């Protein structure tokens, strides 16, 4: 599956100030790691966000978010955000910030 290069560029720009950011092609998309920890990803047009177990239910209550499901089972601590939820710079940043905070908490 291809991933949105436009969204990838926007995520790269938003993560530019963070240290230890790596990109990896995975799961048919593109993953962004911070300090070796999966943080964000792009699958098709959707943004994959790792919010952690404490942020999971809160994230699911947000408009445009849904459970991340690759295998028929949801993966707790990760959500997918549809394109409408990342349309603006501000809305994208509102998803990136908690993912970065969670990744940094694991270091």
PDB file of N, CA and C in Angstrom:
ATOM      1  N   UNK A   1       0.850  -1.177   0.000  1.00  0.00           N
ATOM      2  CA  UNK A   1       0.000   0.000   0.000  1.00  0.00           C
ATOM      3  C   UNK A   1       0.897   1.242   0.000  1.00  0.00           C
ATOM      4  N   UNK A   2       0.566   2.165  -0.802  1.00  0.00           N
ATOM      5  CA  UNK A   2       1.303   3.433  -0.859  1.00  0.00           C
ATOM      6  C   UNK A   2       0.853   4.328   0.299  1.00  0.00           C
ATOM      7  N   UNK A   3       1.674   5.304   0.599  1.00  0.00           N
ATOM      8  CA  UNK A   3       1.318   6.247   1.655  1.00  0.00           C
ATOM      9  C   UNK A   3       1.368   7.662   1.086  1.00  0.00           C
ATOM     10  N   UNK A   4       0.697   8.564   1.743  1.00  0.00           N
ATOM     11  CA  UNK A   4       0.614   9.947   1.299  1.00  0.00           C
ATOM     12  C   UNK A   4       1.949  10.657   1.512  1.00  0.00           C
ATOM     13  N   UNK A   5       2.621  10.960   0.439  1.00  0.00           N
ATOM     14  CA  UNK A   5       3.889  11.684   0.524  1.00  0.00           C
ATOM     15  C   UNK A   5       3.654  13.108   1.006  1.00  0.00           C
ATOM     16  N   UNK A   6       2.508  13.687   0.678  1.00  0.00           N
ATOM     17  CA  UNK A   6       2.190  15.042   1.153  1.00  0.00           C
ATOM     18  C   UNK A   6       2.086  15.057   2.676  1.00  0.00           C
ATOM     19  N   UNK A   7       1.414  14.061   3.243  1.00  0.00           N
ATOM     20  CA  UNK A   7       1.309  13.982   4.702  1.00  0.00           C
ATOM     21  C   UNK A   7       2.677  13.696   5.310  1.00  0.00           C
ATOM     22  N   UNK A   8       3.451  12.837   4.676  1.00  0.00           N
ATOM     23  CA  UNK A   8       4.800  12.534   5.170  1.00  0.00           C
ATOM     24  C   UNK A   8       5.647  13.803   5.241  1.00  0.00           C
ATOM     25  N   UNK A   9       5.564  14.645   4.238  1.00  0.00           N
ATOM     26  CA  UNK A   9       6.322  15.901   4.236  1.00  0.00           C
ATOM     27  C   UNK A   9       5.892  16.808   5.382  1.00  0.00           C
ATOM     28  N   UNK A  10       4.608  16.860   5.625  1.00  0.00           N
ATOM     29  CA  UNK A  10       4.099  17.689   6.718  1.00  0.00           C
ATOM     30  C   UNK A  10       4.538  17.156   8.076  1.00  0.00           C
ATOM     31  N   UNK A  11       4.561  15.835   8.224  1.00  0.00           N
ATOM     32  CA  UNK A  11       5.014  15.232   9.478  1.00  0.00           C
ATOM     33  C   UNK A  11       6.508  15.488   9.661  1.00  0.00           C
ATOM     34  N   UNK A  12       7.286  15.320   8.598  1.00  0.00           N
ATOM     35  CA  UNK A  12       8.730  15.602   8.682  1.00  0.00           C
ATOM     36  C   UNK A  12       8.979  17.034   9.162  1.00  0.00           C
ATOM     37  N   UNK A  13       8.238  17.960   8.592  1.00  0.00           N
ATOM     38  CA  UNK A  13       8.390  19.365   8.977  1.00  0.00           C
ATOM     39  C   UNK A  13       8.045  19.568  10.455  1.00  0.00           C
ATOM     40  N   UNK A  14       6.977  18.933  10.909  1.00  0.00           N
ATOM     41  CA  UNK A  14       6.547  19.084  12.295  1.00  0.00           C
ATOM     42  C   UNK A  14       7.526  18.431  13.280  1.00  0.00           C
ATOM     43  N   UNK A  15       8.219  17.399  12.839  1.00  0.00           N
ATOM     44  CA  UNK A  15       9.160  16.692  13.711  1.00  0.00           C
ATOM     45  C   UNK A  15      10.585  17.230  13.623  1.00  0.00           C
ATOM     46  N   UNK A  16      10.817  18.200  12.772  1.00  0.00           N
ATOM     47  CA  UNK A  16      12.180  18.670  12.482  1.00  0.00           C
ATOM     48  C   UNK A  16      12.952  19.119  13.714  1.00  0.00           C
ATOM     49  N   UNK A  17      12.284  19.627  14.726  1.00  0.00           N
ATOM     50  CA  UNK A  17      12.978  20.133  15.917  1.00  0.00           C
ATOM     51  C   UNK A  17      13.306  19.037  16.930  1.00  0.00           C
ATOM     52  N   UNK A  18      12.854  17.838  16.686  1.00  0.00           N
ATOM     53  CA  UNK A  18      13.080  16.735  17.617  1.00  0.00           C
ATOM     54  C   UNK A  18      14.354  15.982  17.258  1.00  0.00           C
ATOM     55  N   UNK A  19      15.066  15.540  18.280  1.00  0.00           N
ATOM     56  CA  UNK A  19      16.281  14.764  18.075  1.00  0.00           C
ATOM     57  C   UNK A  19      15.941  13.287  17.968  1.00  0.00           C
ATOM     58  N   UNK A  20      16.761  12.560  17.216  1.00  0.00           N
ATOM     59  CA  UNK A  20      16.622  11.111  17.141  1.00  0.00           C
ATOM     60  C   UNK A  20      15.465  10.619  16.311  1.00  0.00           C
ATOM     61  N   UNK A  21      14.998  11.410  15.348  1.00  0.00           N
ATOM     62  CA  UNK A  21      13.884  10.993  14.494  1.00  0.00           C
ATOM     63  C   UNK A  21      14.426  10.130  13.353  1.00  0.00           C
ATOM     64  N   UNK A  22      13.827   8.974  13.161  1.00  0.00           N
ATOM     65  CA  UNK A  22      14.169   8.083  12.054  1.00  0.00           C
ATOM     66  C   UNK A  22      12.893   7.744  11.292  1.00  0.00           C
ATOM     67  N   UNK A  23      13.052   7.520  10.013  1.00  0.00           N
ATOM     68  CA  UNK A  23      11.941   7.061   9.181  1.00  0.00           C
ATOM     69  C   UNK A  23      12.212   5.635   8.755  1.00  0.00           C
ATOM     70  N   UNK A  24      11.172   4.812   8.755  1.00  0.00           N
ATOM     71  CA  UNK A  24      11.293   3.432   8.303  1.00  0.00           C
ATOM     72  C   UNK A  24      10.046   3.047   7.535  1.00  0.00           C
ATOM     73  N   UNK A  25      10.265   2.418   6.401  1.00  0.00           N
ATOM     74  CA  UNK A  25       9.128   1.852   5.671  1.00  0.00           C
ATOM     75  C   UNK A  25       8.704   0.593   6.397  1.00  0.00           C
ATOM     76  N   UNK A  26       7.420   0.526   6.688  1.00  0.00           N
ATOM     77  CA  UNK A  26       6.901  -0.635   7.407  1.00  0.00           C
ATOM     78  C   UNK A  26       5.402  -0.758   7.225  1.00  0.00           C
ATOM     79  N   UNK A  27       4.905  -1.958   7.359  1.00  0.00           N
ATOM     80  CA  UNK A  27       3.462  -2.244   7.308  1.00  0.00           C
ATOM     81  C   UNK A  27       2.787  -1.603   6.102  1.00  0.00           C
ATOM     82  N   UNK A  28       3.494  -1.530   4.990  1.00  0.00           N
ATOM     83  CA  UNK A  28       2.905  -0.947   3.805  1.00  0.00           C
ATOM     84  C   UNK A  28       2.834   0.563   3.845  1.00  0.00           C
ATOM     85  N   UNK A  29       3.480   1.167   4.811  1.00  0.00           N
ATOM     86  CA  UNK A  29       3.448   2.614   4.948  1.00  0.00           C
ATOM     87  C   UNK A  29       4.807   3.140   5.381  1.00  0.00           C
ATOM     88  N   UNK A  30       4.782   4.223   6.103  1.00  0.00           N
ATOM     89  CA  UNK A  30       5.999   4.870   6.571  1.00  0.00           C
ATOM     90  C   UNK A  30       5.867   5.115   8.064  1.00  0.00           C
ATOM     91  N   UNK A  31       6.883   4.713   8.818  1.00  0.00           N
ATOM     92  CA  UNK A  31       6.877   4.929  10.258  1.00  0.00           C
ATOM     93  C   UNK A  31       7.892   5.983  10.649  1.00  0.00           C
ATOM     94  N   UNK A  32       7.581   6.726  11.692  1.00  0.00           N
ATOM     95  CA  UNK A  32       8.487   7.715  12.264  1.00  0.00           C
ATOM     96  C   UNK A  32       8.792   7.269  13.686  1.00  0.00           C
ATOM     97  N   UNK A  33      10.068   7.133  13.974  1.00  0.00           N
ATOM     98  CA  UNK A  33      10.519   6.681  15.274  1.00  0.00           C
ATOM     99  C   UNK A  33      11.282   7.818  15.943  1.00  0.00           C
ATOM    100  N   UNK A  34      11.145   7.909  17.242  1.00  0.00           N
ATOM    101  CA  UNK A  34      11.932   8.859  18.028  1.00  0.00           C
ATOM    102  C   UNK A  34      12.622   8.042  19.108  1.00  0.00           C
ATOM    103  N   UNK A  35      13.942   8.136  19.131  1.00  0.00           N
ATOM    104  CA  UNK A  35      14.701   7.362  20.099  1.00  0.00           C
ATOM    105  C   UNK A  35      14.489   5.870  19.947  1.00  0.00           C
ATOM    106  N   UNK A  36      14.251   5.423  18.727  1.00  0.00           N
ATOM    107  CA  UNK A  36      14.031   4.008  18.462  1.00  0.00           C
ATOM    108  C   UNK A  36      12.634   3.517  18.784  1.00  0.00           C
ATOM    109  N   UNK A  37      11.745   4.404  19.162  1.00  0.00           N
ATOM    110  CA  UNK A  37      10.368   4.027  19.528  1.00  0.00           C
ATOM    111  C   UNK A  37       9.384   4.483  18.459  1.00  0.00           C
ATOM    112  N   UNK A  38       8.517   3.575  18.055  1.00  0.00           N
ATOM    113  CA  UNK A  38       7.483   3.935  17.087  1.00  0.00           C
ATOM    114  C   UNK A  38       6.664   5.073  17.673  1.00  0.00           C
ATOM    115  N   UNK A  39       6.478   6.125  16.879  1.00  0.00           N
ATOM    116  CA  UNK A  39       5.787   7.317  17.351  1.00  0.00           C
ATOM    117  C   UNK A  39       4.589   7.641  16.469  1.00  0.00           C
ATOM    118  N   UNK A  40       4.828   7.723  15.178  1.00  0.00           N
ATOM    119  CA  UNK A  40       3.797   8.067  14.196  1.00  0.00           C
ATOM    120  C   UNK A  40       3.994   7.207  12.964  1.00  0.00           C
ATOM    121  N   UNK A  41       2.988   7.154  12.144  1.00  0.00           N
ATOM    122  CA  UNK A  41       3.111   6.458  10.870  1.00  0.00           C
ATOM    123  C   UNK A  41       2.087   6.980   9.896  1.00  0.00           C
ATOM    124  N   UNK A  42       2.283   6.610   8.657  1.00  0.00           N
ATOM    125  CA  UNK A  42       1.328   6.958   7.618  1.00  0.00           C
ATOM    126  C   UNK A  42       1.006   5.676   6.870  1.00  0.00           C
ATOM    127  N   UNK A  43      -0.268   5.357   6.830  1.00  0.00           N
ATOM    128  CA  UNK A  43      -0.754   4.189   6.110  1.00  0.00           C
ATOM    129  C   UNK A  43      -1.829   4.685   5.167  1.00  0.00           C
ATOM    130  N   UNK A  44      -1.528   4.647   3.890  1.00  0.00           N
ATOM    131  CA  UNK A  44      -2.449   5.230   2.914  1.00  0.00           C
ATOM    132  C   UNK A  44      -2.519   6.729   3.139  1.00  0.00           C
ATOM    133  N   UNK A  45      -3.707   7.222   3.400  1.00  0.00           N
ATOM    134  CA  UNK A  45      -3.917   8.643   3.670  1.00  0.00           C
ATOM    135  C   UNK A  45      -4.059   8.933   5.168  1.00  0.00           C
ATOM    136  N   UNK A  46      -4.043   7.876   5.979  1.00  0.00           N
ATOM    137  CA  UNK A  46      -4.273   8.023   7.417  1.00  0.00           C
ATOM    138  C   UNK A  46      -2.977   8.230   8.189  1.00  0.00           C
ATOM    139  N   UNK A  47      -3.076   8.981   9.257  1.00  0.00           N
ATOM    140  CA  UNK A  47      -1.978   9.149  10.195  1.00  0.00           C
ATOM    141  C   UNK A  47      -2.170   8.125  11.307  1.00  0.00           C
ATOM    142  N   UNK A  48      -1.131   7.376  11.604  1.00  0.00           N
ATOM    143  CA  UNK A  48      -1.138   6.453  12.720  1.00  0.00           C
ATOM    144  C   UNK A  48      -0.432   7.152  13.876  1.00  0.00           C
ATOM    145  N   UNK A  49      -1.066   7.176  15.037  1.00  0.00           N
ATOM    146  CA  UNK A  49      -0.544   7.919  16.180  1.00  0.00           C
ATOM    147  C   UNK A  49      -0.440   6.983  17.378  1.00  0.00           C
ATOM    148  N   UNK A  50       0.750   6.938  17.979  1.00  0.00           N
ATOM    149  CA  UNK A  50       0.932   6.161  19.200  1.00  0.00           C
ATOM    150  C   UNK A  50       0.705   7.099  20.382  1.00  0.00           C
ATOM    151  N   UNK A  51      -0.385   6.882  21.072  1.00  0.00           N
ATOM    152  CA  UNK A  51      -0.752   7.733  22.200  1.00  0.00           C
ATOM    153  C   UNK A  51      -0.503   7.061  23.539  1.00  0.00           C
ATOM    154  N   UNK A  52      -0.206   5.785  23.524  1.00  0.00           N
ATOM    155  CA  UNK A  52       0.032   5.041  24.763  1.00  0.00           C
ATOM    156  C   UNK A  52      -1.260   4.619  25.430  1.00  0.00           C
ATOM    157  N   UNK A  53      -1.142   3.746  26.411  1.00  0.00           N
ATOM    158  CA  UNK A  53      -2.350   3.219  27.051  1.00  0.00           C
ATOM    159  C   UNK A  53      -3.162   4.277  27.795  1.00  0.00           C
ATOM    160  N   UNK A  54      -2.506   5.238  28.410  1.00  0.00           N
ATOM    161  CA  UNK A  54      -3.243   6.257  29.165  1.00  0.00           C
ATOM    162  C   UNK A  54      -3.978   7.247  28.267  1.00  0.00           C
ATOM    163  N   UNK A  55      -3.478   7.484  27.067  1.00  0.00           N
ATOM    164  CA  UNK A  55      -4.099   8.432  26.149  1.00  0.00           C
ATOM    165  C   UNK A  55      -5.043   7.803  25.146  1.00  0.00           C
ATOM    166  N   UNK A  56      -5.158   6.484  25.194  1.00  0.00           N
ATOM    167  CA  UNK A  56      -5.904   5.755  24.158  1.00  0.00           C
ATOM    168  C   UNK A  56      -7.393   6.113  24.110  1.00  0.00           C
ATOM    169  N   UNK A  57      -8.091   5.996  25.216  1.00  0.00           N
ATOM    170  CA  UNK A  57      -9.535   6.271  25.220  1.00  0.00           C
ATOM    171  C   UNK A  57      -9.821   7.731  24.885  1.00  0.00           C
ATOM    172  N   UNK A  58      -9.002   8.632  25.393  1.00  0.00           N
ATOM    173  CA  UNK A  58      -9.173  10.063  25.089  1.00  0.00           C
ATOM    174  C   UNK A  58      -9.010  10.304  23.589  1.00  0.00           C
ATOM    175  N   UNK A  59      -8.012   9.665  22.997  1.00  0.00           N
ATOM    176  CA  UNK A  59      -7.774   9.844  21.559  1.00  0.00           C
ATOM    177  C   UNK A  59      -8.943   9.306  20.737  1.00  0.00           C
ATOM    178  N   UNK A  60      -9.496   8.170  21.147  1.00  0.00           N
ATOM    179  CA  UNK A  60     -10.617   7.588  20.408  1.00  0.00           C
ATOM    180  C   UNK A  60     -11.868   8.458  20.448  1.00  0.00           C
ATOM    181  N   UNK A  61     -11.987   9.303  21.464  1.00  0.00           N
ATOM    182  CA  UNK A  61     -13.147  10.183  21.565  1.00  0.00           C
ATOM    183  C   UNK A  61     -13.041  11.392  20.642  1.00  0.00           C
ATOM    184  N   UNK A  62     -11.851  11.627  20.103  1.00  0.00           N
ATOM    185  CA  UNK A  62     -11.670  12.778  19.211  1.00  0.00           C
ATOM    186  C   UNK A  62     -12.275  12.479  17.841  1.00  0.00           C
ATOM    187  N   UNK A  63     -12.796  13.527  17.235  1.00  0.00           N
ATOM    188  CA  UNK A  63     -13.371  13.404  15.893  1.00  0.00           C
ATOM    189  C   UNK A  63     -12.272  12.953  14.926  1.00  0.00           C
ATOM    190  N   UNK A  64     -12.606  12.087  14.005  1.00  0.00           N
ATOM    191  CA  UNK A  64     -11.732  11.588  12.942  1.00  0.00           C
ATOM    192  C   UNK A  64     -10.777  10.490  13.388  1.00  0.00           C
ATOM    193  N   UNK A  65     -10.831  10.074  14.649  1.00  0.00           N
ATOM    194  CA  UNK A  65      -9.948   9.003  15.127  1.00  0.00           C
ATOM    195  C   UNK A  65     -10.721   7.689  15.195  1.00  0.00           C
ATOM    196  N   UNK A  66      -9.988   6.599  15.010  1.00  0.00           N
ATOM    197  CA  UNK A  66     -10.579   5.268  15.139  1.00  0.00           C
ATOM    198  C   UNK A  66      -9.497   4.293  15.613  1.00  0.00           C
ATOM    199  N   UNK A  67      -9.924   3.131  16.034  1.00  0.00           N
ATOM    200  CA  UNK A  67      -8.984   2.120  16.488  1.00  0.00           C
ATOM    201  C   UNK A  67      -8.039   1.726  15.361  1.00  0.00           C
ATOM    202  N   UNK A  68      -6.801   1.506  15.705  1.00  0.00           N
ATOM    203  CA  UNK A  68      -5.850   0.978  14.736  1.00  0.00           C
ATOM    204  C   UNK A  68      -6.047  -0.529  14.704  1.00  0.00           C
ATOM    205  N   UNK A  69      -6.235  -1.058  13.514  1.00  0.00           N
ATOM    206  CA  UNK A  69      -6.545  -2.472  13.350  1.00  0.00           C
ATOM    207  C   UNK A  69      -5.866  -2.987  12.093  1.00  0.00           C
ATOM    208  N   UNK A  70      -4.841  -3.792  12.272  1.00  0.00           N
ATOM    209  CA  UNK A  70      -4.176  -4.412  11.120  1.00  0.00           C
ATOM    210  C   UNK A  70      -4.568  -5.870  10.960  1.00  0.00           C
ATOM    211  N   UNK A  71      -4.867  -6.522  12.056  1.00  0.00           N
ATOM    212  CA  UNK A  71      -5.030  -7.977  12.033  1.00  0.00           C
ATOM    213  C   UNK A  71      -6.433  -8.439  12.399  1.00  0.00           C
ATOM    214  N   UNK A  72      -7.383  -7.534  12.469  1.00  0.00           N
ATOM    215  CA  UNK A  72      -8.713  -7.892  12.916  1.00  0.00           C
ATOM    216  C   UNK A  72      -8.908  -7.621  14.399  1.00  0.00           C
ATOM    217  N   UNK A  73      -7.830  -7.231  15.070  1.00  0.00           N
ATOM    218  CA  UNK A  73      -7.891  -6.863  16.477  1.00  0.00           C
ATOM    219  C   UNK A  73      -7.296  -5.480  16.631  1.00  0.00           C
ATOM    220  N   UNK A  74      -7.908  -4.677  17.500  1.00  0.00           N
ATOM    221  CA  UNK A  74      -7.369  -3.334  17.710  1.00  0.00           C
ATOM    222  C   UNK A  74      -6.049  -3.433  18.465  1.00  0.00           C
ATOM    223  N   UNK A  75      -5.187  -2.465  18.213  1.00  0.00           N
ATOM    224  CA  UNK A  75      -3.898  -2.406  18.890  1.00  0.00           C
ATOM    225  C   UNK A  75      -3.981  -1.253  19.882  1.00  0.00           C
ATOM    226  N   UNK A  76      -4.052  -1.584  21.142  1.00  0.00           N
ATOM    227  CA  UNK A  76      -4.226  -0.575  22.188  1.00  0.00           C
ATOM    228  C   UNK A  76      -3.041   0.381  22.214  1.00  0.00           C
ATOM    229  N   UNK A  77      -3.347   1.645  22.396  1.00  0.00           N
ATOM    230  CA  UNK A  77      -2.300   2.657  22.467  1.00  0.00           C
ATOM    231  C   UNK A  77      -1.989   3.312  21.138  1.00  0.00           C
ATOM    232  N   UNK A  78      -2.605   2.821  20.055  1.00  0.00           N
ATOM    233  CA  UNK A  78      -2.416   3.377  18.719  1.00  0.00           C
ATOM    234  C   UNK A  78      -3.780   3.697  18.124  1.00  0.00           C
ATOM    235  N   UNK A  79      -3.880   4.801  17.413  1.00  0.00           N
ATOM    236  CA  UNK A  79      -5.108   5.142  16.694  1.00  0.00           C
ATOM    237  C   UNK A  79      -4.764   5.567  15.268  1.00  0.00           C
ATOM    238  N   UNK A  80      -5.732   5.430  14.405  1.00  0.00           N
ATOM    239  CA  UNK A  80      -5.653   5.993  13.063  1.00  0.00           C
ATOM    240  C   UNK A  80      -6.441   7.292  13.059  1.00  0.00           C
ATOM    241  N   UNK A  81      -5.937   8.281  12.347  1.00  0.00           N
ATOM    242  CA  UNK A  81      -6.629   9.547  12.173  1.00  0.00           C
ATOM    243  C   UNK A  81      -6.858   9.739  10.683  1.00  0.00           C
ATOM    244  N   UNK A  82      -8.091   9.918  10.291  1.00  0.00           N
ATOM    245  CA  UNK A  82      -8.410  10.097   8.870  1.00  0.00           C
ATOM    246  C   UNK A  82      -7.956  11.480   8.399  1.00  0.00           C
ATOM    247  N   UNK A  83      -7.820  11.660   7.092  1.00  0.00           N
ATOM    248  CA  UNK A  83      -7.287  12.922   6.553  1.00  0.00           C
ATOM    249  C   UNK A  83      -7.975  14.191   7.050  1.00  0.00           C
ATOM    250  N   UNK A  84      -9.271  14.149   7.267  1.00  0.00           N
ATOM    251  CA  UNK A  84      -9.974  15.347   7.750  1.00  0.00           C
ATOM    252  C   UNK A  84      -9.462  15.792   9.117  1.00  0.00           C
ATOM    253  N   UNK A  85      -8.894  14.873   9.880  1.00  0.00           N
ATOM    254  CA  UNK A  85      -8.390  15.196  11.203  1.00  0.00           C
ATOM    255  C   UNK A  85      -6.986  15.774  11.221  1.00  0.00           C
ATOM    256  N   UNK A  86      -6.356  15.829  10.057  1.00  0.00           N
ATOM    257  CA  UNK A  86      -4.986  16.369   9.970  1.00  0.00           C
ATOM    258  C   UNK A  86      -4.881  17.436   8.888  1.00  0.00           C
ATOM    259  N   UNK A  87      -6.003  17.972   8.501  1.00  0.00           N
ATOM    260  CA  UNK A  87      -6.052  18.896   7.364  1.00  0.00           C
ATOM    261  C   UNK A  87      -5.235  20.172   7.599  1.00  0.00           C
ATOM    262  N   UNK A  88      -5.298  20.732   8.792  1.00  0.00           N
ATOM    263  CA  UNK A  88      -4.580  21.982   9.059  1.00  0.00           C
ATOM    264  C   UNK A  88      -3.288  21.698   9.823  1.00  0.00           C
ATOM    265  N   UNK A  89      -2.411  22.679   9.820  1.00  0.00           N
ATOM    266  CA  UNK A  89      -1.159  22.556  10.568  1.00  0.00           C
ATOM    267  C   UNK A  89      -1.451  22.361  12.056  1.00  0.00           C
ATOM    268  N   UNK A  90      -2.407  23.103  12.543  1.00  0.00           N
ATOM    269  CA  UNK A  90      -2.777  23.021  13.960  1.00  0.00           C
ATOM    270  C   UNK A  90      -3.361  21.653  14.316  1.00  0.00           C
ATOM    271  N   UNK A  91      -4.243  21.131  13.475  1.00  0.00           N
ATOM    272  CA  UNK A  91      -4.850  19.830  13.776  1.00  0.00           C
ATOM    273  C   UNK A  91      -3.800  18.717  13.714  1.00  0.00           C
ATOM    274  N   UNK A  92      -2.882  18.803  12.761  1.00  0.00           N
ATOM    275  CA  UNK A  92      -1.804  17.812  12.680  1.00  0.00           C
ATOM    276  C   UNK A  92      -0.940  17.895  13.936  1.00  0.00           C
ATOM    277  N   UNK A  93      -0.591  19.094  14.348  1.00  0.00           N
ATOM    278  CA  UNK A  93       0.236  19.282  15.543  1.00  0.00           C
ATOM    279  C   UNK A  93      -0.454  18.734  16.791  1.00  0.00           C
ATOM    280  N   UNK A  94      -1.776  18.811  16.830  1.00  0.00           N
ATOM    281  CA  UNK A  94      -2.506  18.324  18.001  1.00  0.00           C
ATOM    282  C   UNK A  94      -2.422  16.806  18.133  1.00  0.00           C
ATOM    283  N   UNK A  95      -2.122  16.120  17.057  1.00  0.00           N
ATOM    284  CA  UNK A  95      -1.907  14.675  17.098  1.00  0.00           C
ATOM    285  C   UNK A  95      -0.438  14.337  17.316  1.00  0.00           C
ATOM    286  N   UNK A  96       0.433  15.127  16.734  1.00  0.00           N
ATOM    287  CA  UNK A  96       1.863  14.845  16.844  1.00  0.00           C
ATOM    288  C   UNK A  96       2.369  15.069  18.265  1.00  0.00           C
ATOM    289  N   UNK A  97       1.918  16.117  18.924  1.00  0.00           N
ATOM    290  CA  UNK A  97       2.417  16.447  20.260  1.00  0.00           C
ATOM    291  C   UNK A  97       2.264  15.303  21.269  1.00  0.00           C
ATOM    292  N   UNK A  98       1.090  14.687  21.401  1.00  0.00           N
ATOM    293  CA  UNK A  98       0.993  13.599  22.379  1.00  0.00           C
ATOM    294  C   UNK A  98       1.798  12.365  21.984  1.00  0.00           C
ATOM    295  N   UNK A  99       1.946  12.125  20.688  1.00  0.00           N
ATOM    296  CA  UNK A  99       2.746  10.980  20.236  1.00  0.00           C
ATOM    297  C   UNK A  99       4.215  11.180  20.583  1.00  0.00           C
ATOM    298  N   UNK A 100       4.721  12.381  20.356  1.00  0.00           N
ATOM    299  CA  UNK A 100       6.110  12.693  20.692  1.00  0.00           C
ATOM    300  C   UNK A 100       6.309  12.621  22.205  1.00  0.00           C
ATOM    301  N   UNK A 101       5.390  13.162  22.962  1.00  0.00           N
ATOM    302  CA  UNK A 101       5.497  13.124  24.418  1.00  0.00           C
ATOM    303  C   UNK A 101       5.520  11.681  24.923  1.00  0.00           C
ATOM    304  N   UNK A 102       4.677  10.837  24.352  1.00  0.00           N
ATOM    305  CA  UNK A 102       4.656   9.440  24.790  1.00  0.00           C
ATOM    306  C   UNK A 102       5.967   8.756  24.430  1.00  0.00           C
ATOM    307  N   UNK A 103       6.454   8.941  23.208  1.00  0.00           N
ATOM    308  CA  UNK A 103       7.721   8.317  22.795  1.00  0.00           C
ATOM    309  C   UNK A 103       8.869   8.757  23.699  1.00  0.00           C
ATOM    310  N   UNK A 104       8.901  10.024  24.036  1.00  0.00           N
ATOM    311  CA  UNK A 104       9.973  10.526  24.906  1.00  0.00           C
ATOM    312  C   UNK A 104       9.836   9.989  26.336  1.00  0.00           C
ATOM    313  N   UNK A 105       8.628   9.688  26.762  1.00  0.00           N
ATOM    314  CA  UNK A 105       8.434   9.135  28.109  1.00  0.00           C
ATOM    315  C   UNK A 105       8.989   7.718  28.227  1.00  0.00           C
ATOM    316  N   UNK A 106       9.211   7.079  27.105  1.00  0.00           N
ATOM    317  CA  UNK A 106       9.723   5.704  27.106  1.00  0.00           C
ATOM    318  C   UNK A 106      11.239   5.637  27.147  1.00  0.00           C
ATOM    319  N   UNK A 107      11.882   6.773  27.020  1.00  0.00           N
ATOM    320  CA  UNK A 107      13.346   6.793  26.992  1.00  0.00           C
ATOM    321  C   UNK A 107      13.944   6.854  28.369  1.00  0.00           C
TER     322      UNK A 107
END
